[in-house]
C-alpha atoms as a PDB file:
ATOM      1  CA  MET A   1     -84.068   4.927 -60.033  1.00  0.00           C
ATOM      2  CA  ARG A   2     -81.862   6.603 -62.235  1.00  0.00           C
ATOM      3  CA  LEU A   3     -78.328   5.281 -62.726  1.00  0.00           C
ATOM      4  CA  ARG A   4     -75.696   7.873 -62.825  1.00  0.00           C
ATOM      5  CA  PHE A   5     -72.069   7.065 -64.703  1.00  0.00           C
ATOM      6  CA  GLY A   6     -69.067   9.137 -64.118  1.00  0.00           C
ATOM      7  CA  VAL A   7     -65.923   9.118 -66.522  1.00  0.00           C
ATOM      8  CA  ASN A   8     -64.291   6.227 -64.294  1.00  0.00           C
ATOM      9  CA  ASP A   9     -67.565   4.356 -65.043  1.00  0.00           C
ATOM     10  CA  VAL A  10     -67.359   4.729 -68.604  1.00  0.00           C
ATOM     11  CA  VAL A  11     -63.594   4.205 -68.982  1.00  0.00           C
ATOM     12  CA  SER A  12     -64.191   0.909 -66.951  1.00  0.00           C
ATOM     13  CA  ALA A  13     -66.940  -0.247 -69.456  1.00  0.00           C
ATOM     14  CA  LEU A  14     -65.281   0.747 -72.605  1.00  0.00           C
ATOM     15  CA  TYR A  15     -61.655  -0.462 -71.970  1.00  0.00           C
ATOM     16  CA  PRO A  16     -61.690  -2.967 -69.039  1.00  0.00           C
ATOM     17  CA  ASP A  17     -58.288  -4.083 -70.341  1.00  0.00           C
ATOM     18  CA  ILE A  18     -56.799  -0.872 -68.881  1.00  0.00           C
ATOM     19  CA  ARG A  19     -59.222  -0.183 -66.092  1.00  0.00           C
ATOM     20  CA  ASN A  20     -57.137  -0.470 -63.437  1.00  0.00           C
ATOM     21  CA  SER A  21     -54.346   1.330 -64.756  1.00  0.00           C
ATOM     22  CA  TYR A  22     -56.539   4.214 -65.712  1.00  0.00           C
ATOM     23  CA  LEU A  23     -58.435   4.231 -62.034  1.00  0.00           C
ATOM     24  CA  GLU A  24     -54.827   4.438 -60.405  1.00  0.00           C
ATOM     25  CA  LEU A  25     -53.840   7.353 -62.786  1.00  0.00           C
ATOM     26  CA  HIS A  26     -56.909   9.036 -61.732  1.00  0.00           C
ATOM     27  CA  GLY A  27     -56.541   8.563 -58.089  1.00  0.00           C
ATOM     28  CA  ALA A  28     -52.837  10.074 -58.447  1.00  0.00           C
ATOM     29  CA  SER A  29     -54.154  13.144 -60.013  1.00  0.00           C
ATOM     30  CA  VAL A  30     -56.902  13.716 -57.680  1.00  0.00           C
ATOM     31  CA  ALA A  31     -54.367  13.269 -54.758  1.00  0.00           C
ATOM     32  CA  VAL A  32     -51.866  15.690 -56.372  1.00  0.00           C
ATOM     33  CA  ARG A  33     -54.615  18.146 -56.998  1.00  0.00           C
ATOM     34  CA  TYR A  34     -56.421  18.093 -53.900  1.00  0.00           C
ATOM     35  CA  GLU A  35     -54.088  16.733 -51.549  1.00  0.00           C
ATOM     36  CA  ASN A  36     -50.247  16.494 -50.784  1.00  0.00           C
ATOM     37  CA  GLY A  37     -49.233  14.485 -53.636  1.00  0.00           C
ATOM     38  CA  THR A  38     -49.591  10.764 -54.528  1.00  0.00           C
ATOM     39  CA  SER A  39     -47.837   7.825 -52.566  1.00  0.00           C
ATOM     40  CA  ILE A  40     -47.965   5.950 -55.809  1.00  0.00           C
ATOM     41  CA  PRO A  41     -43.804   5.455 -57.139  1.00  0.00           C
ATOM     42  CA  LEU A  42     -43.677   7.490 -60.115  1.00  0.00           C
ATOM     43  CA  ASP A  43     -42.222   4.734 -62.224  1.00  0.00           C
ATOM     44  CA  ASP A  44     -45.472   3.002 -61.499  1.00  0.00           C
ATOM     45  CA  LEU A  45     -47.372   5.821 -62.686  1.00  0.00           C
ATOM     46  CA  VAL A  46     -45.461   6.128 -65.693  1.00  0.00           C
ATOM     47  CA  GLN A  47     -46.032   2.110 -66.658  1.00  0.00           C
ATOM     48  CA  ASP A  48     -49.724   2.800 -65.927  1.00  0.00           C
ATOM     49  CA  LEU A  49     -49.610   5.794 -68.471  1.00  0.00           C
ATOM     50  CA  ASP A  50     -47.719   3.662 -71.078  1.00  0.00           C
ATOM     51  CA  GLU A  51     -50.346   1.004 -70.759  1.00  0.00           C
ATOM     52  CA  VAL A  52     -53.181   3.106 -71.280  1.00  0.00           C
ATOM     53  CA  ARG A  53     -51.615   5.260 -74.145  1.00  0.00           C
ATOM     54  CA  ASP A  54     -50.516   2.100 -75.776  1.00  0.00           C
ATOM     55  CA  HIS A  55     -53.902   0.543 -75.658  1.00  0.00           C
ATOM     56  CA  LEU A  56     -55.537   3.481 -76.896  1.00  0.00           C
ATOM     57  CA  MET A  57     -53.093   3.920 -79.600  1.00  0.00           C
ATOM     58  CA  SER A  58     -53.693   0.093 -80.890  1.00  0.00           C
ATOM     59  CA  HIS A  59     -57.322   0.658 -80.916  1.00  0.00           C
ATOM     60  CA  GLU A  60     -57.088   4.126 -82.813  1.00  0.00           C
ATOM     61  CA  ARG A  61     -54.916   2.128 -85.688  1.00  0.00           C
ATOM     62  CA  LEU A  62     -57.715  -0.633 -85.551  1.00  0.00           C
ATOM     63  CA  ALA A  63     -59.929   2.057 -86.363  1.00  0.00           C
ATOM     64  CA  HIS A  64     -58.016   3.609 -89.201  1.00  0.00           C
ATOM     65  CA  LEU A  65     -57.417  -0.026 -90.628  1.00  0.00           C
ATOM     66  CA  SER A  66     -61.053  -0.888 -90.377  1.00  0.00           C
ATOM     67  CA  ALA A  67     -61.882   2.423 -92.184  1.00  0.00           C
ATOM     68  CA  GLY A  68     -59.663   1.542 -95.036  1.00  0.00           C
ATOM     69  CA  HIS A  69     -57.302   4.440 -94.000  1.00  0.00           C
END
């Protein structure tokens, strides 16, 4: 049996600190695209987005520092 990984699985494995925020954003995106919109308050989604962005930006800065940039 072959295991299959989706984007959500990869994000969860690589970035466990932001897993919940990312999954909430993803779920809201799917709801907006295929349903009638999301039931998650916009302020909560903005907070999730800020958390994901800040986490990824901090990792990008660390990568630049470790590469000597």
